[in-house]
Amino acid sequence: MKKPITLITAIAVTALNLFAQNDEAINAKVSEQFNEAFPGAQSVSWTSMKNKISRVHFVHDGHVRLAFFDSNGTLISSGKKVKSMESLPMQISASLAQKKARLEKKHGPLVFAYTYEIVSDGITKYYSTLGNAGLIAVLSVAPNGECIVESKNRLREVQTIKQTPPDIIAKKN
């Protein structure tokens, strides 16, 4: 039991390391808008991304959350980490399981590291990261259940996946 948990943790940290950009100072306008949108947020961690987009990972109202802001402080998208795969809508869960099974035929057994429910322009999508010792993949699922592989990265050594999704979420906007 200990071995799969270690592998999941390793996969989670690696995926986020692969996609994260260097942290930079977040401008006051963005910080102000964040504080207005999410008063009382805790454990706030900022990452600057390409195209002057800022990603913030935080805890709010008992949920691990993410938000993306442009350089003007406009909220692009936000969402929360899904606590368990069982809490996903049936169509979303089925789509993820089906895509996972297809990927496993080529890459061997895979484990879901985390899933985020993200709302952008009033549309909810789910982003899930899964992997094993040789692969990290990010899947997205649209409201209609369409599941696509957003990215696949082969690993040369065992790594870990960070606990926030890659910047693919913000790039879709």
Foldseek 3Di string as FASTA:
>chain_A
DVVVVVLLQFAALVQAVVFFDAADDQDPQQVVLVCVVAPPWAPWDWGADPQQKIKIWTAGPNFTKIWIAHNNNDTFKMWTWDPDLVPDPPLQSVLVVVVQVVVCVPANHKDWNTKIWMAGPNFTKIWTWMGGQFKIWIWIAGPVSDIDTPDMDTDPGRGGRHPDHHPVVVVVD
